[in-house]
């Protein structure tokens, strides 16, 4: 038992150090994203929406909900598998990318972390809000 455990740990370390970081890093990130599927609820929303559009509205709330729940459980299970086995090949995805409902497009939050040059005024808003009567805006269409 001790020899087998030592052999497996040597193989795991060899796989980790000889594969580079692009494969394991992508697999770990994809697995963590898939584990969070239960909180995100993307499969549920998309299944309800698609079933209501293609079948009927009544089926969307029943069949679509159950189908979405099944897909969420499967995605969470695959995510756990990918998190546990991220140092070992193969590194290709088991499931396709997480889905979003067709009426939602993911984007970055409007936050100072993602907005560029907030304090200089290049990201929209007042250029000099501390000056009374300042109405000049860099991007008025925002």
N, C-alpha and C. Protein backbone atom coordinates (compact mmCIF):
# COMPACT_ATOMS: atom_id res chain seq x y z
N UNK A 1 0.83 -1.19 0.00
CA UNK A 1 0.00 0.00 0.00
C UNK A 1 0.87 1.25 0.00
N UNK A 2 1.92 1.22 0.83
CA UNK A 2 2.80 2.38 0.92
C UNK A 2 3.51 2.62 -0.40
N UNK A 3 3.94 1.53 -1.07
CA UNK A 3 4.61 1.67 -2.36
C UNK A 3 3.65 2.19 -3.43
N UNK A 4 2.42 1.73 -3.41
CA UNK A 4 1.44 2.19 -4.40
C UNK A 4 1.14 3.66 -4.21
N UNK A 5 1.00 4.10 -2.96
CA UNK A 5 0.73 5.51 -2.68
C UNK A 5 1.90 6.39 -3.11
N UNK A 6 3.10 5.95 -2.85
CA UNK A 6 4.28 6.71 -3.28
C UNK A 6 4.36 6.75 -4.80
N UNK A 7 4.04 5.64 -5.45
CA UNK A 7 4.08 5.61 -6.91
C UNK A 7 3.04 6.56 -7.51
N UNK A 8 1.82 6.56 -6.96
CA UNK A 8 0.77 7.45 -7.46
C UNK A 8 1.12 8.91 -7.22
N UNK A 9 1.73 9.21 -6.09
CA UNK A 9 2.10 10.60 -5.84
C UNK A 9 3.22 11.06 -6.78
N UNK A 10 4.16 10.18 -7.12
CA UNK A 10 5.21 10.51 -8.08
C UNK A 10 4.60 10.75 -9.46
N UNK A 11 3.65 9.93 -9.86
CA UNK A 11 2.98 10.11 -11.15
C UNK A 11 2.19 11.42 -11.17
N UNK A 12 1.53 11.73 -10.07
CA UNK A 12 0.75 12.98 -10.00
C UNK A 12 1.68 14.19 -10.10
N UNK A 13 2.78 14.16 -9.40
CA UNK A 13 3.72 15.28 -9.48
C UNK A 13 4.35 15.40 -10.87
N UNK A 14 4.65 14.26 -11.48
CA UNK A 14 5.21 14.29 -12.84
C UNK A 14 4.19 14.87 -13.82
N UNK A 15 2.94 14.48 -13.68
CA UNK A 15 1.90 15.02 -14.56
C UNK A 15 1.72 16.52 -14.33
N UNK A 16 1.81 16.94 -13.09
CA UNK A 16 1.63 18.35 -12.77
C UNK A 16 2.77 19.20 -13.31
N UNK A 17 4.00 18.73 -13.18
CA UNK A 17 5.14 19.55 -13.58
C UNK A 17 5.52 19.43 -15.05
N UNK A 18 5.06 18.41 -15.74
CA UNK A 18 5.41 18.27 -17.14
C UNK A 18 4.34 18.77 -18.09
N UNK A 19 3.18 19.12 -17.57
CA UNK A 19 2.08 19.51 -18.46
C UNK A 19 2.00 20.99 -18.71
N UNK A 20 2.75 21.80 -18.01
CA UNK A 20 2.59 23.25 -18.14
C UNK A 20 1.40 23.69 -17.32
N UNK A 21 1.15 24.98 -17.32
CA UNK A 21 0.06 25.43 -16.45
C UNK A 21 -1.20 25.77 -17.21
N UNK A 22 -1.17 25.83 -18.53
CA UNK A 22 -2.36 26.23 -19.28
C UNK A 22 -3.47 25.19 -19.16
N UNK A 23 -3.13 23.92 -19.26
CA UNK A 23 -4.15 22.88 -19.18
C UNK A 23 -4.76 22.75 -17.79
N UNK A 24 -3.94 22.54 -16.75
CA UNK A 24 -4.51 22.40 -15.41
C UNK A 24 -5.20 23.67 -14.93
N UNK A 25 -4.65 24.82 -15.29
CA UNK A 25 -5.26 26.08 -14.86
C UNK A 25 -6.65 26.24 -15.47
N UNK A 26 -6.78 25.95 -16.74
CA UNK A 26 -8.08 26.06 -17.41
C UNK A 26 -9.06 25.04 -16.86
N UNK A 27 -8.59 23.84 -16.59
CA UNK A 27 -9.46 22.79 -16.08
C UNK A 27 -9.94 23.13 -14.67
N UNK A 28 -9.07 23.66 -13.83
CA UNK A 28 -9.46 24.04 -12.48
C UNK A 28 -10.47 25.20 -12.51
N UNK A 29 -10.21 26.20 -13.33
CA UNK A 29 -11.14 27.33 -13.43
C UNK A 29 -12.49 26.91 -13.97
N UNK A 30 -12.48 26.05 -14.98
CA UNK A 30 -13.74 25.55 -15.55
C UNK A 30 -14.49 24.73 -14.51
N UNK A 31 -13.76 23.92 -13.74
CA UNK A 31 -14.40 23.11 -12.71
C UNK A 31 -15.01 23.96 -11.61
N UNK A 32 -14.30 25.00 -11.18
CA UNK A 32 -14.84 25.89 -10.15
C UNK A 32 -16.07 26.63 -10.65
N UNK A 33 -16.06 27.03 -11.91
CA UNK A 33 -17.23 27.68 -12.49
C UNK A 33 -18.41 26.72 -12.56
N UNK A 34 -18.16 25.49 -12.92
CA UNK A 34 -19.23 24.50 -13.00
C UNK A 34 -19.77 24.13 -11.62
N UNK A 35 -18.92 24.12 -10.60
CA UNK A 35 -19.40 23.82 -9.25
C UNK A 35 -20.37 24.90 -8.79
N UNK A 36 -20.15 26.13 -9.22
CA UNK A 36 -21.02 27.24 -8.81
C UNK A 36 -22.31 27.30 -9.63
N UNK A 37 -22.56 26.33 -10.46
CA UNK A 37 -23.75 26.33 -11.31
C UNK A 37 -25.04 26.33 -10.49
N UNK A 38 -25.06 25.66 -9.36
CA UNK A 38 -26.28 25.62 -8.54
C UNK A 38 -26.64 27.02 -8.05
N UNK A 39 -25.65 27.83 -7.73
CA UNK A 39 -25.92 29.20 -7.29
C UNK A 39 -26.23 30.11 -8.47
N UNK A 40 -25.64 29.86 -9.62
CA UNK A 40 -25.83 30.70 -10.79
C UNK A 40 -27.19 30.46 -11.43
N UNK A 41 -27.59 29.22 -11.53
CA UNK A 41 -28.91 28.88 -12.06
C UNK A 41 -29.08 29.10 -13.55
N UNK A 42 -28.02 29.13 -14.31
CA UNK A 42 -28.11 29.38 -15.74
C UNK A 42 -28.81 28.26 -16.50
N UNK A 43 -28.54 27.02 -16.13
CA UNK A 43 -29.18 25.89 -16.81
C UNK A 43 -30.68 25.90 -16.54
N UNK A 44 -31.09 26.23 -15.32
CA UNK A 44 -32.52 26.30 -15.00
C UNK A 44 -33.21 27.35 -15.84
N UNK A 45 -32.67 28.56 -15.83
CA UNK A 45 -33.31 29.65 -16.56
C UNK A 45 -33.38 29.36 -18.05
N UNK A 46 -32.30 28.86 -18.61
CA UNK A 46 -32.29 28.59 -20.05
C UNK A 46 -33.25 27.46 -20.39
N UNK A 47 -33.29 26.41 -19.58
CA UNK A 47 -34.19 25.30 -19.88
C UNK A 47 -35.65 25.71 -19.78
N UNK A 48 -35.99 26.51 -18.78
CA UNK A 48 -37.37 26.99 -18.65
C UNK A 48 -37.72 27.86 -19.86
N UNK A 49 -36.81 28.77 -20.21
CA UNK A 49 -37.07 29.66 -21.34
C UNK A 49 -37.20 28.88 -22.65
N UNK A 50 -36.27 27.99 -22.93
CA UNK A 50 -36.28 27.27 -24.20
C UNK A 50 -37.47 26.32 -24.30
N UNK A 51 -37.83 25.67 -23.19
CA UNK A 51 -38.98 24.78 -23.22
C UNK A 51 -40.26 25.57 -23.41
N UNK A 52 -40.37 26.73 -22.79
CA UNK A 52 -41.57 27.56 -22.97
C UNK A 52 -41.68 28.07 -24.39
N UNK A 53 -40.57 28.39 -25.02
CA UNK A 53 -40.61 28.90 -26.39
C UNK A 53 -40.90 27.79 -27.39
N UNK A 54 -40.22 26.67 -27.27
CA UNK A 54 -40.32 25.63 -28.28
C UNK A 54 -41.45 24.62 -28.03
N UNK A 55 -41.84 24.41 -26.79
CA UNK A 55 -42.92 23.46 -26.50
C UNK A 55 -44.20 24.21 -26.18
N UNK A 56 -44.31 24.69 -24.95
CA UNK A 56 -45.46 25.49 -24.54
C UNK A 56 -45.12 26.17 -23.22
N UNK A 57 -45.79 27.28 -22.90
CA UNK A 57 -45.51 27.97 -21.64
C UNK A 57 -45.76 27.08 -20.41
N UNK A 58 -46.79 26.24 -20.49
CA UNK A 58 -47.07 25.35 -19.36
C UNK A 58 -45.94 24.34 -19.15
N UNK A 59 -45.41 23.82 -20.25
CA UNK A 59 -44.31 22.85 -20.15
C UNK A 59 -43.04 23.53 -19.69
N UNK A 60 -42.90 24.82 -19.95
CA UNK A 60 -41.69 25.53 -19.54
C UNK A 60 -41.50 25.53 -18.04
N UNK A 61 -42.59 25.71 -17.31
CA UNK A 61 -42.48 25.78 -15.85
C UNK A 61 -42.44 24.41 -15.19
N UNK A 62 -42.76 23.37 -15.92
CA UNK A 62 -42.72 22.03 -15.32
C UNK A 62 -41.56 21.22 -15.90
N UNK A 63 -41.69 20.90 -17.18
CA UNK A 63 -40.65 20.09 -17.84
C UNK A 63 -39.33 20.86 -17.89
N UNK A 64 -39.40 22.14 -18.21
CA UNK A 64 -38.18 22.94 -18.29
C UNK A 64 -37.47 23.06 -16.95
N UNK A 65 -38.25 23.18 -15.88
CA UNK A 65 -37.64 23.27 -14.55
C UNK A 65 -36.92 21.97 -14.20
N UNK A 66 -37.57 20.84 -14.44
CA UNK A 66 -36.95 19.54 -14.12
C UNK A 66 -35.73 19.31 -15.01
N UNK A 67 -35.84 19.63 -16.28
CA UNK A 67 -34.71 19.47 -17.20
C UNK A 67 -33.54 20.36 -16.77
N UNK A 68 -33.84 21.58 -16.37
CA UNK A 68 -32.79 22.49 -15.90
C UNK A 68 -32.16 22.02 -14.61
N UNK A 69 -32.97 21.47 -13.71
CA UNK A 69 -32.42 20.92 -12.47
C UNK A 69 -31.48 19.77 -12.76
N UNK A 70 -31.89 18.87 -13.66
CA UNK A 70 -31.03 17.74 -14.03
C UNK A 70 -29.71 18.22 -14.64
N UNK A 71 -29.79 19.20 -15.51
CA UNK A 71 -28.57 19.71 -16.14
C UNK A 71 -27.67 20.43 -15.13
N UNK A 72 -28.27 21.12 -14.16
CA UNK A 72 -27.48 21.79 -13.13
C UNK A 72 -26.76 20.78 -12.25
N UNK A 73 -27.44 19.70 -11.90
CA UNK A 73 -26.81 18.65 -11.08
C UNK A 73 -25.66 18.01 -11.87
N UNK A 74 -25.89 17.75 -13.15
CA UNK A 74 -24.83 17.15 -13.97
C UNK A 74 -23.64 18.09 -14.09
N UNK A 75 -23.89 19.39 -14.31
CA UNK A 75 -22.80 20.35 -14.44
C UNK A 75 -22.03 20.48 -13.12
N UNK A 76 -22.73 20.45 -12.00
CA UNK A 76 -22.06 20.53 -10.70
C UNK A 76 -21.20 19.29 -10.46
N UNK A 77 -21.71 18.12 -10.82
CA UNK A 77 -20.94 16.89 -10.66
C UNK A 77 -19.70 16.87 -11.53
N UNK A 78 -19.83 17.32 -12.77
CA UNK A 78 -18.68 17.38 -13.67
C UNK A 78 -17.68 18.41 -13.15
N UNK A 79 -18.18 19.50 -12.58
CA UNK A 79 -17.29 20.51 -12.00
C UNK A 79 -16.49 19.95 -10.84
N UNK A 80 -17.14 19.18 -9.97
CA UNK A 80 -16.40 18.54 -8.86
C UNK A 80 -15.34 17.58 -9.40
N UNK A 81 -15.69 16.82 -10.42
CA UNK A 81 -14.73 15.91 -11.02
C UNK A 81 -13.54 16.68 -11.59
N UNK A 82 -13.79 17.80 -12.26
CA UNK A 82 -12.69 18.57 -12.86
C UNK A 82 -11.84 19.25 -11.79
N UNK A 83 -12.43 19.67 -10.67
CA UNK A 83 -11.64 20.28 -9.60
C UNK A 83 -10.74 19.23 -8.96
N UNK A 84 -11.26 18.05 -8.76
CA UNK A 84 -10.47 16.99 -8.10
C UNK A 84 -9.35 16.49 -9.01
N UNK A 85 -9.63 16.39 -10.31
CA UNK A 85 -8.65 15.80 -11.23
C UNK A 85 -7.93 16.83 -12.08
N UNK A 86 -7.88 18.10 -11.65
CA UNK A 86 -7.29 19.12 -12.52
C UNK A 86 -5.81 18.92 -12.82
N UNK A 87 -4.97 18.29 -11.97
CA UNK A 87 -3.57 18.14 -12.37
C UNK A 87 -3.33 17.07 -13.43
N UNK A 88 -4.33 16.23 -13.66
CA UNK A 88 -4.13 15.08 -14.56
C UNK A 88 -4.78 15.32 -15.91
N UNK A 89 -4.12 14.89 -16.99
CA UNK A 89 -4.76 14.99 -18.31
C UNK A 89 -5.93 14.02 -18.40
N UNK A 90 -6.85 14.18 -19.29
CA UNK A 90 -6.99 15.14 -20.37
C UNK A 90 -7.53 16.47 -19.85
N UNK A 91 -7.22 17.54 -20.55
CA UNK A 91 -7.61 18.88 -20.12
C UNK A 91 -8.75 19.47 -20.94
N UNK A 92 -9.27 18.75 -21.89
CA UNK A 92 -10.38 19.28 -22.69
C UNK A 92 -11.67 19.27 -21.87
N UNK A 93 -12.61 20.15 -22.17
CA UNK A 93 -13.86 20.21 -21.40
C UNK A 93 -14.73 18.99 -21.64
N UNK A 94 -15.39 18.54 -20.58
CA UNK A 94 -16.31 17.41 -20.69
C UNK A 94 -17.67 17.91 -21.18
N UNK A 95 -18.11 19.04 -20.62
CA UNK A 95 -19.37 19.67 -21.04
C UNK A 95 -19.05 20.94 -21.80
N UNK A 96 -19.98 21.39 -22.64
CA UNK A 96 -19.75 22.68 -23.30
C UNK A 96 -19.75 23.82 -22.29
N UNK A 97 -19.38 25.01 -22.73
CA UNK A 97 -19.33 26.16 -21.85
C UNK A 97 -20.68 26.37 -21.16
N UNK A 98 -20.66 27.01 -19.97
CA UNK A 98 -21.94 27.29 -19.30
C UNK A 98 -22.86 28.10 -20.20
N UNK A 99 -24.12 27.78 -20.12
CA UNK A 99 -25.09 28.45 -20.99
C UNK A 99 -25.77 29.59 -20.25
N UNK A 100 -26.24 30.53 -21.01
CA UNK A 100 -27.01 31.65 -20.49
C UNK A 100 -28.33 31.68 -21.24
N UNK A 101 -29.38 32.19 -20.63
CA UNK A 101 -30.62 32.34 -21.38
C UNK A 101 -30.40 33.26 -22.58
N UNK A 102 -31.17 33.07 -23.62
CA UNK A 102 -30.99 33.86 -24.83
C UNK A 102 -31.28 35.34 -24.62
N UNK A 103 -32.05 35.67 -23.59
CA UNK A 103 -32.37 37.08 -23.35
C UNK A 103 -31.38 37.76 -22.42
N UNK A 104 -30.26 37.10 -22.12
CA UNK A 104 -29.25 37.66 -21.22
C UNK A 104 -27.89 37.55 -21.87
N UNK A 105 -27.14 38.63 -21.86
CA UNK A 105 -25.78 38.61 -22.35
C UNK A 105 -24.86 39.01 -21.21
N UNK A 106 -23.96 38.13 -20.77
CA UNK A 106 -23.09 38.49 -19.65
C UNK A 106 -22.10 39.58 -20.05
N UNK A 107 -21.82 40.44 -19.12
CA UNK A 107 -20.84 41.50 -19.37
C UNK A 107 -20.18 41.85 -18.04
N UNK A 108 -19.22 42.75 -18.10
CA UNK A 108 -18.53 43.18 -16.89
C UNK A 108 -19.43 44.09 -16.07
N UNK A 109 -19.26 44.05 -14.75
CA UNK A 109 -20.00 44.94 -13.88
C UNK A 109 -19.51 46.36 -14.09
N UNK A 110 -20.38 47.31 -13.89
CA UNK A 110 -19.95 48.71 -13.91
C UNK A 110 -19.39 49.01 -12.53
N UNK A 111 -18.10 48.88 -12.42
CA UNK A 111 -17.42 48.99 -11.15
C UNK A 111 -16.09 49.68 -11.38
N UNK A 112 -15.56 50.30 -10.36
CA UNK A 112 -14.27 50.98 -10.51
C UNK A 112 -13.15 50.01 -10.83
N UNK A 113 -13.34 48.74 -10.54
CA UNK A 113 -12.32 47.76 -10.86
C UNK A 113 -12.23 47.53 -12.37
N UNK A 114 -13.36 47.60 -13.07
CA UNK A 114 -13.39 47.33 -14.49
C UNK A 114 -13.45 48.61 -15.33
N UNK A 115 -13.95 49.71 -14.78
CA UNK A 115 -13.99 50.96 -15.52
C UNK A 115 -12.59 51.56 -15.56
N UNK A 116 -12.19 52.04 -16.71
CA UNK A 116 -10.84 52.58 -16.84
C UNK A 116 -10.81 54.05 -16.48
N UNK A 117 -9.79 54.45 -15.79
CA UNK A 117 -9.52 55.85 -15.45
C UNK A 117 -10.72 56.57 -14.84
N UNK A 118 -11.32 55.99 -13.84
CA UNK A 118 -12.50 56.58 -13.22
C UNK A 118 -12.19 57.93 -12.61
N UNK A 119 -11.07 58.04 -11.95
CA UNK A 119 -10.76 59.27 -11.23
C UNK A 119 -10.25 60.38 -12.15
N UNK A 120 -9.84 60.03 -13.36
CA UNK A 120 -9.37 61.03 -14.31
C UNK A 120 -10.54 61.56 -15.13
N UNK A 121 -11.61 60.79 -15.24
CA UNK A 121 -12.77 61.23 -15.98
C UNK A 121 -12.89 60.61 -17.35
N UNK A 122 -12.14 59.56 -17.63
CA UNK A 122 -12.17 58.96 -18.95
C UNK A 122 -13.18 57.82 -19.05
N UNK A 123 -13.87 57.54 -17.97
CA UNK A 123 -14.78 56.43 -17.97
C UNK A 123 -16.23 56.89 -17.95
N UNK A 124 -16.47 58.13 -18.09
CA UNK A 124 -17.83 58.64 -18.04
C UNK A 124 -18.07 59.38 -16.75
N UNK A 125 -19.17 60.08 -16.67
CA UNK A 125 -19.48 60.84 -15.48
C UNK A 125 -18.89 62.23 -15.54
N UNK A 126 -19.05 62.98 -14.47
CA UNK A 126 -18.51 64.34 -14.42
C UNK A 126 -17.00 64.32 -14.39
N UNK A 127 -16.39 65.23 -15.13
CA UNK A 127 -14.94 65.34 -15.13
C UNK A 127 -14.48 66.02 -13.85
N UNK A 128 -15.18 67.04 -13.45
CA UNK A 128 -14.81 67.79 -12.24
C UNK A 128 -16.04 67.94 -11.36
N UNK A 129 -16.49 66.87 -10.69
CA UNK A 129 -17.72 66.98 -9.90
C UNK A 129 -17.56 67.89 -8.68
N UNK A 130 -16.34 68.18 -8.29
CA UNK A 130 -16.10 69.04 -7.13
C UNK A 130 -16.28 70.52 -7.48
N UNK A 131 -16.34 70.88 -8.76
CA UNK A 131 -16.53 72.26 -9.20
C UNK A 131 -18.03 72.52 -9.30
N UNK A 132 -18.55 73.54 -8.60
CA UNK A 132 -19.99 73.82 -8.68
C UNK A 132 -20.40 74.19 -10.10
N UNK A 133 -21.50 73.61 -10.57
CA UNK A 133 -22.00 73.89 -11.90
C UNK A 133 -21.32 73.12 -13.01
N UNK A 134 -20.46 72.19 -12.69
CA UNK A 134 -19.76 71.41 -13.71
C UNK A 134 -20.73 70.40 -14.32
N UNK A 135 -21.04 70.57 -15.58
CA UNK A 135 -21.95 69.67 -16.27
C UNK A 135 -21.26 68.95 -17.43
N UNK A 136 -19.98 69.20 -17.62
CA UNK A 136 -19.27 68.57 -18.72
C UNK A 136 -19.09 67.09 -18.43
N UNK A 137 -19.51 66.26 -19.36
CA UNK A 137 -19.35 64.81 -19.22
C UNK A 137 -18.52 64.31 -20.39
N UNK A 138 -17.66 63.35 -20.13
CA UNK A 138 -16.81 62.81 -21.18
C UNK A 138 -17.62 62.02 -22.18
N UNK A 139 -18.44 61.12 -21.69
CA UNK A 139 -19.28 60.29 -22.56
C UNK A 139 -20.73 60.54 -22.18
N UNK A 140 -21.42 61.40 -22.91
CA UNK A 140 -22.80 61.71 -22.59
C UNK A 140 -23.76 60.57 -22.95
N UNK A 141 -23.35 59.66 -23.82
CA UNK A 141 -24.26 58.60 -24.23
C UNK A 141 -24.26 57.41 -23.28
N UNK A 142 -23.56 57.46 -22.18
CA UNK A 142 -23.56 56.36 -21.22
C UNK A 142 -24.74 56.43 -20.31
